[in-house]
Amino acid sequence: MSDTNSITDEQIETAYIIIAKIIRDYGDRYIPIFKRVHDERERRKADMRLKNIALQVAENLVK
């Protein structure tokens, strides 16, 4: 079953860039929003790195 409300990594990246430009153009009051997107972006990157490590470990067990 697919979750139609899921936000993709591409959408996170787009939002990250847009919010950075908003801060540049309109000021620091938008930093909390940027921080939330930044934290989500970093969490997803860390999860992907961890998944890749797990796959490498599993691959080495099969050999």
N, C-alpha and C. Protein backbone atom coordinates (compact mmCIF):
# COMPACT_ATOMS: atom_id res chain seq x y z
N MET A 1 0.84 -1.19 0.00
CA MET A 1 0.00 0.00 0.00
C MET A 1 0.88 1.24 0.00
N SER A 2 0.63 2.14 -0.89
CA SER A 2 1.42 3.35 -1.05
C SER A 2 0.80 4.50 -0.26
N ASP A 3 1.66 5.25 0.42
CA ASP A 3 1.19 6.42 1.15
C ASP A 3 1.26 7.63 0.24
N THR A 4 0.12 8.14 -0.16
CA THR A 4 0.08 9.26 -1.10
C THR A 4 0.48 10.58 -0.44
N ASN A 5 0.60 10.59 0.89
CA ASN A 5 0.98 11.80 1.59
C ASN A 5 2.48 11.86 1.88
N SER A 6 3.25 10.89 1.41
CA SER A 6 4.68 10.87 1.65
C SER A 6 5.37 11.98 0.89
N ILE A 7 6.34 12.58 1.54
CA ILE A 7 7.14 13.63 0.90
C ILE A 7 8.41 12.99 0.39
N THR A 8 8.73 13.23 -0.85
CA THR A 8 9.91 12.61 -1.46
C THR A 8 11.17 13.39 -1.11
N ASP A 9 12.30 12.73 -1.31
CA ASP A 9 13.59 13.40 -1.11
C ASP A 9 13.73 14.60 -2.05
N GLU A 10 13.21 14.47 -3.25
CA GLU A 10 13.28 15.57 -4.21
C GLU A 10 12.49 16.77 -3.72
N GLN A 11 11.33 16.53 -3.13
CA GLN A 11 10.53 17.62 -2.58
C GLN A 11 11.23 18.30 -1.41
N ILE A 12 11.91 17.51 -0.59
CA ILE A 12 12.68 18.07 0.53
C ILE A 12 13.79 18.97 -0.03
N GLU A 13 14.49 18.51 -1.04
CA GLU A 13 15.57 19.31 -1.63
C GLU A 13 15.04 20.61 -2.23
N THR A 14 13.91 20.52 -2.91
CA THR A 14 13.30 21.72 -3.48
C THR A 14 12.91 22.71 -2.38
N ALA A 15 12.27 22.21 -1.34
CA ALA A 15 11.88 23.07 -0.22
C ALA A 15 13.10 23.69 0.45
N TYR A 16 14.17 22.92 0.57
CA TYR A 16 15.41 23.39 1.19
C TYR A 16 15.96 24.61 0.45
N ILE A 17 15.98 24.52 -0.86
CA ILE A 17 16.48 25.62 -1.69
C ILE A 17 15.54 26.83 -1.61
N ILE A 18 14.26 26.57 -1.70
CA ILE A 18 13.29 27.68 -1.65
C ILE A 18 13.38 28.41 -0.32
N ILE A 19 13.43 27.67 0.77
CA ILE A 19 13.48 28.32 2.09
C ILE A 19 14.79 29.08 2.27
N ALA A 20 15.88 28.55 1.76
CA ALA A 20 17.16 29.28 1.83
C ALA A 20 17.04 30.62 1.11
N LYS A 21 16.40 30.63 -0.05
CA LYS A 21 16.21 31.87 -0.79
C LYS A 21 15.28 32.84 -0.05
N ILE A 22 14.27 32.29 0.61
CA ILE A 22 13.36 33.14 1.40
C ILE A 22 14.13 33.82 2.53
N ILE A 23 14.99 33.07 3.19
CA ILE A 23 15.80 33.66 4.27
C ILE A 23 16.71 34.75 3.71
N ARG A 24 17.32 34.48 2.58
CA ARG A 24 18.17 35.49 1.94
C ARG A 24 17.39 36.76 1.63
N ASP A 25 16.19 36.59 1.11
CA ASP A 25 15.41 37.73 0.64
C ASP A 25 14.56 38.41 1.72
N TYR A 26 14.11 37.64 2.73
CA TYR A 26 13.15 38.19 3.69
C TYR A 26 13.58 38.14 5.15
N GLY A 27 14.71 37.51 5.42
CA GLY A 27 15.23 37.61 6.77
C GLY A 27 15.19 36.34 7.61
N ASP A 28 15.76 36.53 8.81
CA ASP A 28 16.02 35.42 9.72
C ASP A 28 14.77 34.81 10.36
N ARG A 29 13.64 35.46 10.30
CA ARG A 29 12.47 34.92 10.99
C ARG A 29 12.03 33.58 10.40
N TYR A 30 12.54 33.22 9.22
CA TYR A 30 12.19 31.95 8.59
C TYR A 30 13.19 30.84 8.90
N ILE A 31 14.19 31.14 9.69
CA ILE A 31 15.20 30.12 10.04
C ILE A 31 14.58 28.90 10.72
N PRO A 32 13.60 29.03 11.62
CA PRO A 32 13.02 27.81 12.21
C PRO A 32 12.44 26.84 11.17
N ILE A 33 11.86 27.38 10.12
CA ILE A 33 11.34 26.50 9.06
C ILE A 33 12.51 25.84 8.34
N PHE A 34 13.54 26.62 8.03
CA PHE A 34 14.72 26.07 7.37
C PHE A 34 15.33 24.97 8.22
N LYS A 35 15.40 25.19 9.54
CA LYS A 35 15.98 24.20 10.44
C LYS A 35 15.21 22.88 10.39
N ARG A 36 13.88 22.95 10.35
CA ARG A 36 13.08 21.74 10.29
C ARG A 36 13.34 20.96 9.01
N VAL A 37 13.42 21.67 7.90
CA VAL A 37 13.70 21.00 6.63
C VAL A 37 15.13 20.48 6.61
N HIS A 38 16.06 21.26 7.11
CA HIS A 38 17.47 20.84 7.18
C HIS A 38 17.61 19.57 8.02
N ASP A 39 16.96 19.56 9.19
CA ASP A 39 17.04 18.38 10.05
C ASP A 39 16.46 17.14 9.38
N GLU A 40 15.33 17.31 8.68
CA GLU A 40 14.73 16.19 7.95
C GLU A 40 15.65 15.70 6.84
N ARG A 41 16.25 16.63 6.13
CA ARG A 41 17.19 16.30 5.05
C ARG A 41 18.37 15.51 5.58
N GLU A 42 18.93 15.97 6.69
CA GLU A 42 20.07 15.28 7.29
C GLU A 42 19.68 13.91 7.84
N ARG A 43 18.47 13.81 8.42
CA ARG A 43 18.00 12.53 8.94
C ARG A 43 17.86 11.51 7.81
N ARG A 44 17.31 11.97 6.69
CA ARG A 44 17.16 11.07 5.55
C ARG A 44 18.50 10.62 5.00
N LYS A 45 19.47 11.53 4.95
CA LYS A 45 20.81 11.17 4.48
C LYS A 45 21.44 10.13 5.41
N ALA A 46 21.31 10.35 6.71
CA ALA A 46 21.87 9.42 7.69
C ALA A 46 21.20 8.05 7.58
N ASP A 47 19.88 8.04 7.41
CA ASP A 47 19.16 6.77 7.24
C ASP A 47 19.64 6.02 6.01
N MET A 48 19.87 6.76 4.92
CA MET A 48 20.33 6.12 3.68
C MET A 48 21.74 5.55 3.86
N ARG A 49 22.61 6.31 4.53
CA ARG A 49 23.96 5.80 4.79
C ARG A 49 23.91 4.53 5.63
N LEU A 50 23.07 4.53 6.65
CA LEU A 50 22.94 3.37 7.52
C LEU A 50 22.37 2.17 6.75
N LYS A 51 21.40 2.43 5.90
CA LYS A 51 20.84 1.35 5.08
C LYS A 51 21.91 0.77 4.16
N ASN A 52 22.72 1.62 3.56
CA ASN A 52 23.79 1.14 2.69
C ASN A 52 24.79 0.30 3.45
N ILE A 53 25.10 0.69 4.67
CA ILE A 53 26.02 -0.11 5.51
C ILE A 53 25.39 -1.47 5.78
N ALA A 54 24.11 -1.48 6.14
CA ALA A 54 23.43 -2.75 6.42
C ALA A 54 23.44 -3.67 5.19
N LEU A 55 23.21 -3.08 4.01
CA LEU A 55 23.22 -3.88 2.78
C LEU A 55 24.61 -4.44 2.51
N GLN A 56 25.65 -3.65 2.78
CA GLN A 56 27.01 -4.13 2.60
C GLN A 56 27.32 -5.28 3.56
N VAL A 57 26.89 -5.14 4.80
CA VAL A 57 27.10 -6.20 5.79
C VAL A 57 26.38 -7.47 5.33
N ALA A 58 25.13 -7.32 4.92
CA ALA A 58 24.35 -8.49 4.47
C ALA A 58 25.00 -9.12 3.24
N GLU A 59 25.50 -8.33 2.33
CA GLU A 59 26.15 -8.85 1.12
C GLU A 59 27.41 -9.65 1.50
N ASN A 60 28.16 -9.16 2.45
CA ASN A 60 29.37 -9.86 2.88
C ASN A 60 29.05 -11.19 3.57
N LEU A 61 27.88 -11.30 4.18
CA LEU A 61 27.48 -12.54 4.83
C LEU A 61 27.11 -13.59 3.81
N VAL A 62 26.64 -13.18 2.65
CA VAL A 62 26.18 -14.10 1.62
C VAL A 62 27.37 -14.74 0.89
N LYS A 63 28.45 -14.01 0.78
CA LYS A 63 29.61 -14.49 0.01
C LYS A 63 30.30 -15.63 0.65
